[in-house]
Amino acid sequence: MFETISQSTIIFASLWFLCAIITSYFAKSKKRSAFQWLLIGLFLGIGGIILVLIVTRNDKKQFEVAHKDSVDRKLWYHQMKSEMENSKL
């Protein structure tokens, strides 16, 4: 009635599940939903890993922080430059 599951099927299923876990790990490291990417990894296998590594996130807040940091660095540079010029006089 029930057939035994072959060893190759168990290995294949284990590797497929491992791909889903790896996909979830990479997603979490990129501050994305680990559970959603776990499901994507279960459906796509190795494709999920590739997808999570390729897809970028257009996050407005992330851009604003980077832009503010850039502006702060430029302001600091100009302040230091003017202080150095004043100290030479």
PDB file of N, CA and C in Angstrom:
ATOM      1  N   MET A   1       0.806  -1.183   0.000  1.00  0.00           N
ATOM      2  CA  MET A   1       0.000   0.000   0.000  1.00  0.00           C
ATOM      3  C   MET A   1       0.865   1.270   0.000  1.00  0.00           C
ATOM      4  N   PHE A   2       1.730   1.431   0.969  1.00  0.00           N
ATOM      5  CA  PHE A   2       2.619   2.589   0.995  1.00  0.00           C
ATOM      6  C   PHE A   2       3.984   2.164   0.490  1.00  0.00           C
ATOM      7  N   GLU A   3       4.494   2.943  -0.442  1.00  0.00           N
ATOM      8  CA  GLU A   3       5.839   2.681  -0.932  1.00  0.00           C
ATOM      9  C   GLU A   3       6.837   3.385  -0.024  1.00  0.00           C
ATOM     10  N   THR A   4       7.995   2.847   0.062  1.00  0.00           N
ATOM     11  CA  THR A   4       9.029   3.514   0.854  1.00  0.00           C
ATOM     12  C   THR A   4       9.596   4.677   0.048  1.00  0.00           C
ATOM     13  N   ILE A   5       9.946   5.714   0.744  1.00  0.00           N
ATOM     14  CA  ILE A   5      10.509   6.887   0.088  1.00  0.00           C
ATOM     15  C   ILE A   5      11.982   6.609  -0.183  1.00  0.00           C
ATOM     16  N   SER A   6      12.393   6.861  -1.403  1.00  0.00           N
ATOM     17  CA  SER A   6      13.784   6.583  -1.760  1.00  0.00           C
ATOM     18  C   SER A   6      14.725   7.597  -1.116  1.00  0.00           C
ATOM     19  N   GLN A   7      15.966   7.185  -1.011  1.00  0.00           N
ATOM     20  CA  GLN A   7      16.977   8.033  -0.397  1.00  0.00           C
ATOM     21  C   GLN A   7      17.200   9.309  -1.221  1.00  0.00           C
ATOM     22  N   SER A   8      17.154   9.194  -2.520  1.00  0.00           N
ATOM     23  CA  SER A   8      17.363  10.372  -3.363  1.00  0.00           C
ATOM     24  C   SER A   8      16.233  11.392  -3.192  1.00  0.00           C
ATOM     25  N   THR A   9      15.020  10.934  -2.967  1.00  0.00           N
ATOM     26  CA  THR A   9      13.892  11.841  -2.729  1.00  0.00           C
ATOM     27  C   THR A   9      14.078  12.595  -1.420  1.00  0.00           C
ATOM     28  N   ILE A  10      14.552  11.917  -0.400  1.00  0.00           N
ATOM     29  CA  ILE A  10      14.794  12.554   0.893  1.00  0.00           C
ATOM     30  C   ILE A  10      15.901  13.594   0.771  1.00  0.00           C
ATOM     31  N   ILE A  11      16.965  13.271   0.058  1.00  0.00           N
ATOM     32  CA  ILE A  11      18.069  14.211  -0.143  1.00  0.00           C
ATOM     33  C   ILE A  11      17.586  15.424  -0.922  1.00  0.00           C
ATOM     34  N   PHE A  12      16.821  15.208  -1.979  1.00  0.00           N
ATOM     35  CA  PHE A  12      16.300  16.298  -2.793  1.00  0.00           C
ATOM     36  C   PHE A  12      15.407  17.220  -1.963  1.00  0.00           C
ATOM     37  N   ALA A  13      14.510  16.644  -1.180  1.00  0.00           N
ATOM     38  CA  ALA A  13      13.604  17.444  -0.344  1.00  0.00           C
ATOM     39  C   ALA A  13      14.381  18.219   0.722  1.00  0.00           C
ATOM     40  N   SER A  14      15.399  17.596   1.283  1.00  0.00           N
ATOM     41  CA  SER A  14      16.218  18.266   2.294  1.00  0.00           C
ATOM     42  C   SER A  14      16.967  19.454   1.704  1.00  0.00           C
ATOM     43  N   LEU A  15      17.539  19.271   0.528  1.00  0.00           N
ATOM     44  CA  LEU A  15      18.258  20.356  -0.136  1.00  0.00           C
ATOM     45  C   LEU A  15      17.305  21.477  -0.529  1.00  0.00           C
ATOM     46  N   TRP A  16      16.095  21.118  -0.954  1.00  0.00           N
ATOM     47  CA  TRP A  16      15.098  22.124  -1.328  1.00  0.00           C
ATOM     48  C   TRP A  16      14.715  22.957  -0.105  1.00  0.00           C
ATOM     49  N   PHE A  17      14.505  22.298   1.020  1.00  0.00           N
ATOM     50  CA  PHE A  17      14.167  23.004   2.255  1.00  0.00           C
ATOM     51  C   PHE A  17      15.342  23.850   2.731  1.00  0.00           C
ATOM     52  N   LEU A  18      16.564  23.361   2.556  1.00  0.00           N
ATOM     53  CA  LEU A  18      17.758  24.119   2.909  1.00  0.00           C
ATOM     54  C   LEU A  18      17.846  25.407   2.078  1.00  0.00           C
ATOM     55  N   CYS A  19      17.494  25.312   0.802  1.00  0.00           N
ATOM     56  CA  CYS A  19      17.456  26.513  -0.052  1.00  0.00           C
ATOM     57  C   CYS A  19      16.466  27.537   0.502  1.00  0.00           C
ATOM     58  N   ALA A  20      15.329  27.070   0.987  1.00  0.00           N
ATOM     59  CA  ALA A  20      14.325  27.971   1.556  1.00  0.00           C
ATOM     60  C   ALA A  20      14.862  28.649   2.815  1.00  0.00           C
ATOM     61  N   ILE A  21      15.576  27.914   3.634  1.00  0.00           N
ATOM     62  CA  ILE A  21      16.144  28.483   4.857  1.00  0.00           C
ATOM     63  C   ILE A  21      17.229  29.506   4.522  1.00  0.00           C
ATOM     64  N   ILE A  22      18.068  29.192   3.556  1.00  0.00           N
ATOM     65  CA  ILE A  22      19.117  30.126   3.132  1.00  0.00           C
ATOM     66  C   ILE A  22      18.490  31.393   2.557  1.00  0.00           C
ATOM     67  N   THR A  23      17.444  31.239   1.760  1.00  0.00           N
ATOM     68  CA  THR A  23      16.739  32.395   1.207  1.00  0.00           C
ATOM     69  C   THR A  23      16.202  33.267   2.331  1.00  0.00           C
ATOM     70  N   SER A  24      15.605  32.655   3.331  1.00  0.00           N
ATOM     71  CA  SER A  24      15.061  33.378   4.473  1.00  0.00           C
ATOM     72  C   SER A  24      16.169  34.117   5.234  1.00  0.00           C
ATOM     73  N   TYR A  25      17.323  33.489   5.391  1.00  0.00           N
ATOM     74  CA  TYR A  25      18.451  34.099   6.091  1.00  0.00           C
ATOM     75  C   TYR A  25      18.939  35.348   5.357  1.00  0.00           C
ATOM     76  N   PHE A  26      19.126  35.236   4.039  1.00  0.00           N
ATOM     77  CA  PHE A  26      19.585  36.388   3.264  1.00  0.00           C
ATOM     78  C   PHE A  26      18.545  37.515   3.291  1.00  0.00           C
ATOM     79  N   ALA A  27      17.277  37.153   3.252  1.00  0.00           N
ATOM     80  CA  ALA A  27      16.221  38.165   3.297  1.00  0.00           C
ATOM     81  C   ALA A  27      16.260  38.912   4.630  1.00  0.00           C
ATOM     82  N   LYS A  28      16.424  38.178   5.706  1.00  0.00           N
ATOM     83  CA  LYS A  28      16.471  38.816   7.022  1.00  0.00           C
ATOM     84  C   LYS A  28      17.685  39.726   7.136  1.00  0.00           C
ATOM     85  N   SER A  29      18.810  39.330   6.550  1.00  0.00           N
ATOM     86  CA  SER A  29      20.001  40.180   6.607  1.00  0.00           C
ATOM     87  C   SER A  29      19.824  41.451   5.787  1.00  0.00           C
ATOM     88  N   LYS A  30      18.885  41.432   4.826  1.00  0.00           N
ATOM     89  CA  LYS A  30      18.576  42.625   4.039  1.00  0.00           C
ATOM     90  C   LYS A  30      17.364  43.365   4.590  1.00  0.00           C
ATOM     91  N   LYS A  31      16.960  43.023   5.805  1.00  0.00           N
ATOM     92  CA  LYS A  31      15.823  43.648   6.498  1.00  0.00           C
ATOM     93  C   LYS A  31      14.522  43.496   5.727  1.00  0.00           C
ATOM     94  N   ARG A  32      14.274  42.284   5.294  1.00  0.00           N
ATOM     95  CA  ARG A  32      13.008  41.946   4.632  1.00  0.00           C
ATOM     96  C   ARG A  32      12.304  40.879   5.452  1.00  0.00           C
ATOM     97  N   SER A  33      11.085  40.555   5.061  1.00  0.00           N
ATOM     98  CA  SER A  33      10.302  39.561   5.780  1.00  0.00           C
ATOM     99  C   SER A  33      10.892  38.168   5.564  1.00  0.00           C
ATOM    100  N   ALA A  34      11.415  37.599   6.638  1.00  0.00           N
ATOM    101  CA  ALA A  34      12.031  36.278   6.545  1.00  0.00           C
ATOM    102  C   ALA A  34      10.989  35.208   6.197  1.00  0.00           C
ATOM    103  N   PHE A  35       9.793  35.333   6.767  1.00  0.00           N
ATOM    104  CA  PHE A  35       8.759  34.320   6.523  1.00  0.00           C
ATOM    105  C   PHE A  35       8.294  34.334   5.064  1.00  0.00           C
ATOM    106  N   GLN A  36       8.063  35.529   4.528  1.00  0.00           N
ATOM    107  CA  GLN A  36       7.629  35.609   3.130  1.00  0.00           C
ATOM    108  C   GLN A  36       8.690  35.039   2.197  1.00  0.00           C
ATOM    109  N   TRP A  37       9.943  35.343   2.477  1.00  0.00           N
ATOM    110  CA  TRP A  37      11.010  34.829   1.624  1.00  0.00           C
ATOM    111  C   TRP A  37      11.249  33.338   1.857  1.00  0.00           C
ATOM    112  N   LEU A  38      10.906  32.840   3.036  1.00  0.00           N
ATOM    113  CA  LEU A  38      10.964  31.396   3.260  1.00  0.00           C
ATOM    114  C   LEU A  38       9.969  30.694   2.334  1.00  0.00           C
ATOM    115  N   LEU A  39       8.776  31.256   2.233  1.00  0.00           N
ATOM    116  CA  LEU A  39       7.771  30.679   1.332  1.00  0.00           C
ATOM    117  C   LEU A  39       8.222  30.756  -0.128  1.00  0.00           C
ATOM    118  N   ILE A  40       8.812  31.900  -0.502  1.00  0.00           N
ATOM    119  CA  ILE A  40       9.325  32.029  -1.868  1.00  0.00           C
ATOM    120  C   ILE A  40      10.417  30.996  -2.109  1.00  0.00           C
ATOM    121  N   GLY A  41      11.280  30.802  -1.115  1.00  0.00           N
ATOM    122  CA  GLY A  41      12.342  29.796  -1.227  1.00  0.00           C
ATOM    123  C   GLY A  41      11.799  28.384  -1.339  1.00  0.00           C
ATOM    124  N   LEU A  42      10.676  28.113  -0.656  1.00  0.00           N
ATOM    125  CA  LEU A  42      10.061  26.780  -0.765  1.00  0.00           C
ATOM    126  C   LEU A  42       9.526  26.532  -2.170  1.00  0.00           C
ATOM    127  N   PHE A  43       9.013  27.575  -2.793  1.00  0.00           N
ATOM    128  CA  PHE A  43       8.472  27.416  -4.149  1.00  0.00           C
ATOM    129  C   PHE A  43       9.554  27.420  -5.226  1.00  0.00           C
ATOM    130  N   LEU A  44      10.585  28.244  -5.037  1.00  0.00           N
ATOM    131  CA  LEU A  44      11.570  28.423  -6.107  1.00  0.00           C
ATOM    132  C   LEU A  44      12.888  27.692  -5.896  1.00  0.00           C
ATOM    133  N   GLY A  45      13.137  27.226  -4.681  1.00  0.00           N
ATOM    134  CA  GLY A  45      14.389  26.519  -4.422  1.00  0.00           C
ATOM    135  C   GLY A  45      15.592  27.437  -4.588  1.00  0.00           C
ATOM    136  N   ILE A  46      16.559  27.026  -5.389  1.00  0.00           N
ATOM    137  CA  ILE A  46      17.766  27.817  -5.615  1.00  0.00           C
ATOM    138  C   ILE A  46      17.424  29.157  -6.275  1.00  0.00           C
ATOM    139  N   GLY A  47      16.342  29.179  -7.012  1.00  0.00           N
ATOM    140  CA  GLY A  47      15.889  30.432  -7.625  1.00  0.00           C
ATOM    141  C   GLY A  47      15.536  31.476  -6.585  1.00  0.00           C
ATOM    142  N   GLY A  48      15.044  31.058  -5.427  1.00  0.00           N
ATOM    143  CA  GLY A  48      14.734  31.985  -4.349  1.00  0.00           C
ATOM    144  C   GLY A  48      15.986  32.655  -3.811  1.00  0.00           C
ATOM    145  N   ILE A  49      17.059  31.884  -3.696  1.00  0.00           N
ATOM    146  CA  ILE A  49      18.328  32.448  -3.228  1.00  0.00           C
ATOM    147  C   ILE A  49      18.826  33.493  -4.219  1.00  0.00           C
ATOM    148  N   ILE A  50      18.801  33.140  -5.489  1.00  0.00           N
ATOM    149  CA  ILE A  50      19.257  34.070  -6.530  1.00  0.00           C
ATOM    150  C   ILE A  50      18.390  35.325  -6.520  1.00  0.00           C
ATOM    151  N   LEU A  51      17.098  35.143  -6.405  1.00  0.00           N
ATOM    152  CA  LEU A  51      16.174  36.275  -6.436  1.00  0.00           C
ATOM    153  C   LEU A  51      16.390  37.223  -5.258  1.00  0.00           C
ATOM    154  N   VAL A  52      16.549  36.688  -4.061  1.00  0.00           N
ATOM    155  CA  VAL A  52      16.725  37.545  -2.885  1.00  0.00           C
ATOM    156  C   VAL A  52      18.055  38.295  -2.949  1.00  0.00           C
ATOM    157  N   LEU A  53      19.041  37.731  -3.612  1.00  0.00           N
ATOM    158  CA  LEU A  53      20.330  38.414  -3.743  1.00  0.00           C
ATOM    159  C   LEU A  53      20.303  39.483  -4.826  1.00  0.00           C
ATOM    160  N   ILE A  54      19.461  39.307  -5.835  1.00  0.00           N
ATOM    161  CA  ILE A  54      19.427  40.238  -6.966  1.00  0.00           C
ATOM    162  C   ILE A  54      18.479  41.400  -6.721  1.00  0.00           C
ATOM    163  N   VAL A  55      17.315  41.127  -6.186  1.00  0.00           N
ATOM    164  CA  VAL A  55      16.277  42.146  -6.041  1.00  0.00           C
ATOM    165  C   VAL A  55      16.727  43.209  -5.051  1.00  0.00           C
ATOM    166  N   THR A  56      16.636  44.460  -5.482  1.00  0.00           N
ATOM    167  CA  THR A  56      16.980  45.570  -4.596  1.00  0.00           C
ATOM    168  C   THR A  56      15.701  46.181  -4.045  1.00  0.00           C
ATOM    169  N   ARG A  57      15.866  46.959  -3.033  1.00  0.00           N
ATOM    170  CA  ARG A  57      14.712  47.546  -2.357  1.00  0.00           C
ATOM    171  C   ARG A  57      14.753  49.051  -2.544  1.00  0.00           C
ATOM    172  N   ASN A  58      13.692  49.599  -3.053  1.00  0.00           N
ATOM    173  CA  ASN A  58      13.589  51.048  -3.210  1.00  0.00           C
ATOM    174  C   ASN A  58      12.897  51.615  -1.985  1.00  0.00           C
ATOM    175  N   ASP A  59      13.678  51.902  -1.001  1.00  0.00           N
ATOM    176  CA  ASP A  59      13.132  52.383   0.265  1.00  0.00           C
ATOM    177  C   ASP A  59      13.426  53.872   0.399  1.00  0.00           C
ATOM    178  N   LYS A  60      12.371  54.679   0.423  1.00  0.00           N
ATOM    179  CA  LYS A  60      12.522  56.128   0.490  1.00  0.00           C
ATOM    180  C   LYS A  60      13.242  56.544   1.768  1.00  0.00           C
ATOM    181  N   LYS A  61      12.927  55.906   2.866  1.00  0.00           N
ATOM    182  CA  LYS A  61      13.556  56.249   4.135  1.00  0.00           C
ATOM    183  C   LYS A  61      15.060  55.970   4.081  1.00  0.00           C
ATOM    184  N   GLN A  62      15.425  54.863   3.491  1.00  0.00           N
ATOM    185  CA  GLN A  62      16.833  54.514   3.362  1.00  0.00           C
ATOM    186  C   GLN A  62      17.567  55.571   2.531  1.00  0.00           C
ATOM    187  N   PHE A  63      16.931  56.063   1.474  1.00  0.00           N
ATOM    188  CA  PHE A  63      17.521  57.108   0.646  1.00  0.00           C
ATOM    189  C   PHE A  63      17.679  58.399   1.436  1.00  0.00           C
ATOM    190  N   GLU A  64      16.656  58.750   2.219  1.00  0.00           N
ATOM    191  CA  GLU A  64      16.705  59.982   2.995  1.00  0.00           C
ATOM    192  C   GLU A  64      17.840  59.950   4.017  1.00  0.00           C
ATOM    193  N   VAL A  65      18.039  58.827   4.655  1.00  0.00           N
ATOM    194  CA  VAL A  65      19.123  58.700   5.630  1.00  0.00           C
ATOM    195  C   VAL A  65      20.474  58.842   4.932  1.00  0.00           C
ATOM    196  N   ALA A  66      20.637  58.188   3.803  1.00  0.00           N
ATOM    197  CA  ALA A  66      21.893  58.280   3.058  1.00  0.00           C
ATOM    198  C   ALA A  66      22.129  59.710   2.575  1.00  0.00           C
ATOM    199  N   HIS A  67      21.081  60.367   2.130  1.00  0.00           N
ATOM    200  CA  HIS A  67      21.214  61.743   1.652  1.00  0.00           C
ATOM    201  C   HIS A  67      21.597  62.679   2.805  1.00  0.00           C
ATOM    202  N   LYS A  68      20.950  62.516   3.956  1.00  0.00           N
ATOM    203  CA  LYS A  68      21.260  63.345   5.117  1.00  0.00           C
ATOM    204  C   LYS A  68      22.700  63.127   5.546  1.00  0.00           C
ATOM    205  N   ASP A  69      23.149  61.889   5.538  1.00  0.00           N
ATOM    206  CA  ASP A  69      24.530  61.581   5.904  1.00  0.00           C
ATOM    207  C   ASP A  69      25.503  62.258   4.945  1.00  0.00           C
ATOM    208  N   SER A  70      25.184  62.252   3.670  1.00  0.00           N
ATOM    209  CA  SER A  70      26.023  62.891   2.666  1.00  0.00           C
ATOM    210  C   SER A  70      26.091  64.399   2.890  1.00  0.00           C
ATOM    211  N   VAL A  71      24.953  65.001   3.181  1.00  0.00           N
ATOM    212  CA  VAL A  71      24.906  66.440   3.437  1.00  0.00           C
ATOM    213  C   VAL A  71      25.702  66.778   4.692  1.00  0.00           C
ATOM    214  N   ASP A  72      25.561  65.956   5.737  1.00  0.00           N
ATOM    215  CA  ASP A  72      26.305  66.191   6.975  1.00  0.00           C
ATOM    216  C   ASP A  72      27.808  66.118   6.741  1.00  0.00           C
ATOM    217  N   ARG A  73      28.253  65.173   5.924  1.00  0.00           N
ATOM    218  CA  ARG A  73      29.678  65.057   5.620  1.00  0.00           C
ATOM    219  C   ARG A  73      30.190  66.279   4.867  1.00  0.00           C
ATOM    220  N   LYS A  74      29.416  66.751   3.912  1.00  0.00           N
ATOM    221  CA  LYS A  74      29.828  67.934   3.155  1.00  0.00           C
ATOM    222  C   LYS A  74      29.894  69.151   4.061  1.00  0.00           C
ATOM    223  N   LEU A  75      28.927  69.310   4.941  1.00  0.00           N
ATOM    224  CA  LEU A  75      28.903  70.433   5.874  1.00  0.00           C
ATOM    225  C   LEU A  75      30.111  70.372   6.790  1.00  0.00           C
ATOM    226  N   TRP A  76      30.399  69.185   7.317  1.00  0.00           N
ATOM    227  CA  TRP A  76      31.559  69.014   8.181  1.00  0.00           C
ATOM    228  C   TRP A  76      32.841  69.351   7.435  1.00  0.00           C
ATOM    229  N   TYR A  77      32.972  68.914   6.200  1.00  0.00           N
ATOM    230  CA  TYR A  77      34.160  69.182   5.400  1.00  0.00           C
ATOM    231  C   TYR A  77      34.357  70.685   5.215  1.00  0.00           C
ATOM    232  N   HIS A  78      33.298  71.386   4.875  1.00  0.00           N
ATOM    233  CA  HIS A  78      33.410  72.828   4.650  1.00  0.00           C
ATOM    234  C   HIS A  78      33.714  73.575   5.948  1.00  0.00           C
ATOM    235  N   GLN A  79      33.167  73.135   7.065  1.00  0.00           N
ATOM    236  CA  GLN A  79      33.466  73.753   8.344  1.00  0.00           C
ATOM    237  C   GLN A  79      34.940  73.561   8.702  1.00  0.00           C
ATOM    238  N   MET A  80      35.442  72.357   8.509  1.00  0.00           N
ATOM    239  CA  MET A  80      36.845  72.077   8.808  1.00  0.00           C
ATOM    240  C   MET A  80      37.767  72.867   7.888  1.00  0.00           C
ATOM    241  N   LYS A  81      37.394  72.962   6.646  1.00  0.00           N
ATOM    242  CA  LYS A  81      38.199  73.703   5.676  1.00  0.00           C
ATOM    243  C   LYS A  81      38.275  75.172   6.059  1.00  0.00           C
ATOM    244  N   SER A  82      37.154  75.779   6.433  1.00  0.00           N
ATOM    245  CA  SER A  82      37.150  77.195   6.813  1.00  0.00           C
ATOM    246  C   SER A  82      37.922  77.407   8.117  1.00  0.00           C
ATOM    247  N   GLU A  83      37.840  76.470   9.056  1.00  0.00           N
ATOM    248  CA  GLU A  83      38.603  76.592  10.310  1.00  0.00           C
ATOM    249  C   GLU A  83      40.095  76.514  10.032  1.00  0.00           C
ATOM    250  N   MET A  84      40.496  75.641   9.134  1.00  0.00           N
ATOM    251  CA  MET A  84      41.916  75.539   8.788  1.00  0.00           C
ATOM    252  C   MET A  84      42.414  76.801   8.094  1.00  0.00           C
ATOM    253  N   GLU A  85      41.598  77.373   7.247  1.00  0.00           N
ATOM    254  CA  GLU A  85      41.979  78.612   6.568  1.00  0.00           C
ATOM    255  C   GLU A  85      42.075  79.760   7.571  1.00  0.00           C
ATOM    256  N   ASN A  86      41.175  79.804   8.527  1.00  0.00           N
ATOM    257  CA  ASN A  86      41.202  80.852   9.549  1.00  0.00           C
ATOM    258  C   ASN A  86      42.410  80.711  10.467  1.00  0.00           C
ATOM    259  N   SER A  87      42.788  79.475  10.754  1.00  0.00           N
ATOM    260  CA  SER A  87      43.938  79.266  11.640  1.00  0.00           C
ATOM    261  C   SER A  87      45.251  79.613  10.951  1.00  0.00           C
ATOM    262  N   LYS A  88      45.304  79.562   9.635  1.00  0.00           N
ATOM    263  CA  LYS A  88      46.508  79.925   8.892  1.00  0.00           C
ATOM    264  C   LYS A  88      46.728  81.421   8.891  1.00  0.00           C
ATOM    265  N   LEU A  89      45.662  82.193   8.989  1.00  0.00           N
ATOM    266  CA  LEU A  89      45.759  83.647   8.968  1.00  0.00           C
ATOM    267  C   LEU A  89      46.264  84.126  10.267  1.00  0.00           C
TER     268      LEU A  89
END
